[in-house]
Amino acid sequence: MSPTYRRTRSRGGVGYSGVTGYAACVIPWIIFALVVVPLVVVSFVATRRRTAAGEHPASEDAEARARTEQEFAEAEAYEATWREEDKERHRQERFP
């Protein structure tokens, strides 16, 4: 028998029952699955909602939202050009 099992007498008094040892090993995992996992899921969903609400506040009008989207588009375009320049610079550094 495994050392994690508790040795208790079976009903007939002969041998040992592994059921109590098995239950002692499994019950904490069941509690973990039923308590901790849902708490992690709920906290993840709450964090995502808070992040989404922070990106576009409720008081933001259509003009401010369009300006924000335009700024993001400009930033992405700049990032794309920067990456192309960086690739070229990296290639020149490797092969002079």
Protein backbone atom coordinates (compact mmCIF):
# COMPACT_ATOMS: atom_id res chain seq x y z
CA MET A 1 0.00 0.00 0.00
CA SER A 2 1.02 3.57 -0.57
CA PRO A 3 2.33 5.49 2.46
CA THR A 4 -0.39 8.16 1.97
CA TYR A 5 -3.19 5.74 2.81
CA ARG A 6 -4.38 5.54 6.37
CA ARG A 7 -4.68 2.05 7.61
CA THR A 8 -8.06 1.36 9.11
CA ARG A 9 -9.62 -1.97 9.81
CA SER A 10 -12.25 -3.13 7.35
CA ARG A 11 -15.66 -4.34 8.57
CA GLY A 12 -14.62 -7.93 8.88
CA GLY A 13 -11.61 -7.01 10.94
CA VAL A 14 -9.27 -8.63 8.45
CA GLY A 15 -7.07 -6.45 6.22
CA TYR A 16 -7.16 -2.71 5.73
CA SER A 17 -9.48 -0.44 3.78
CA GLY A 18 -7.95 2.09 1.37
CA VAL A 19 -11.20 4.04 1.04
CA THR A 20 -10.51 6.45 3.89
CA GLY A 21 -7.01 7.07 2.60
CA TYR A 22 -8.32 7.70 -0.90
CA ALA A 23 -11.01 10.06 0.37
CA ALA A 24 -8.45 11.93 2.45
CA CYS A 25 -6.39 12.52 -0.68
CA VAL A 26 -9.29 13.45 -2.98
CA ILE A 27 -11.46 15.70 -0.77
CA PRO A 28 -9.00 18.64 -0.73
CA TRP A 29 -8.85 18.56 -4.53
CA ILE A 30 -12.64 18.57 -4.76
CA ILE A 31 -12.81 21.55 -2.40
CA PHE A 32 -10.14 23.28 -4.49
CA ALA A 33 -12.11 22.68 -7.69
CA LEU A 34 -15.40 23.87 -6.20
CA VAL A 35 -14.09 26.99 -4.40
CA VAL A 36 -10.83 28.29 -5.80
CA VAL A 37 -11.40 27.75 -9.52
CA PRO A 38 -14.72 29.69 -9.64
CA LEU A 39 -13.12 32.51 -7.62
CA VAL A 40 -10.30 32.78 -10.14
CA VAL A 41 -12.76 32.81 -13.05
CA VAL A 42 -14.91 35.51 -11.44
CA SER A 43 -11.88 37.70 -10.70
CA PHE A 44 -10.66 37.30 -14.28
CA VAL A 45 -14.05 38.37 -15.69
CA ALA A 46 -14.22 41.35 -13.33
CA THR A 47 -10.73 42.46 -14.35
CA ARG A 48 -11.60 42.23 -18.04
CA ARG A 49 -14.75 44.31 -17.53
CA ARG A 50 -12.84 46.95 -15.58
CA THR A 51 -10.18 47.14 -18.31
CA ALA A 52 -12.78 47.46 -21.07
CA ALA A 53 -14.63 50.16 -19.12
CA GLY A 54 -11.38 52.06 -18.57
CA GLU A 55 -10.56 52.18 -22.27
CA HIS A 56 -13.80 53.94 -23.16
CA PRO A 57 -15.35 55.84 -20.25
CA ALA A 58 -19.13 56.21 -20.20
CA SER A 59 -18.87 60.00 -20.44
CA GLU A 60 -16.89 59.75 -23.69
CA ASP A 61 -18.74 61.17 -26.72
CA ALA A 62 -18.45 60.04 -30.34
CA GLU A 63 -15.88 62.71 -31.19
CA ALA A 64 -13.56 61.71 -28.34
CA ARG A 65 -13.95 58.05 -29.23
CA ALA A 66 -13.08 58.77 -32.88
CA ARG A 67 -10.03 60.79 -31.77
CA THR A 68 -8.88 57.91 -29.57
CA GLU A 69 -9.29 55.43 -32.41
CA GLN A 70 -7.38 57.78 -34.74
CA GLU A 71 -4.52 58.02 -32.24
CA PHE A 72 -4.37 54.23 -31.99
CA ALA A 73 -4.32 53.93 -35.78
CA GLU A 74 -1.49 56.49 -36.03
CA ALA A 75 0.47 54.66 -33.33
CA GLU A 76 0.07 51.33 -35.12
CA ALA A 77 1.18 52.89 -38.43
CA TYR A 78 4.24 54.39 -36.74
CA GLU A 79 5.03 51.04 -35.15
CA ALA A 80 4.84 49.30 -38.54
CA THR A 81 7.23 51.80 -40.15
CA TRP A 82 9.58 51.57 -37.17
CA ARG A 83 9.67 47.77 -37.46
CA GLU A 84 10.52 47.98 -41.16
CA GLU A 85 13.34 50.42 -40.42
CA ASP A 86 14.56 48.23 -37.58
CA LYS A 87 14.60 45.18 -39.86
CA GLU A 88 16.67 47.09 -42.39
CA ARG A 89 19.06 48.38 -39.72
CA HIS A 90 19.40 44.89 -38.26
CA ARG A 91 20.14 43.43 -41.70
CA GLN A 92 22.83 46.09 -42.30
CA GLU A 93 24.43 45.34 -38.93
CA ARG A 94 24.60 41.62 -39.65
CA PHE A 95 25.88 41.95 -43.22
CA PRO A 96 28.08 45.02 -43.59
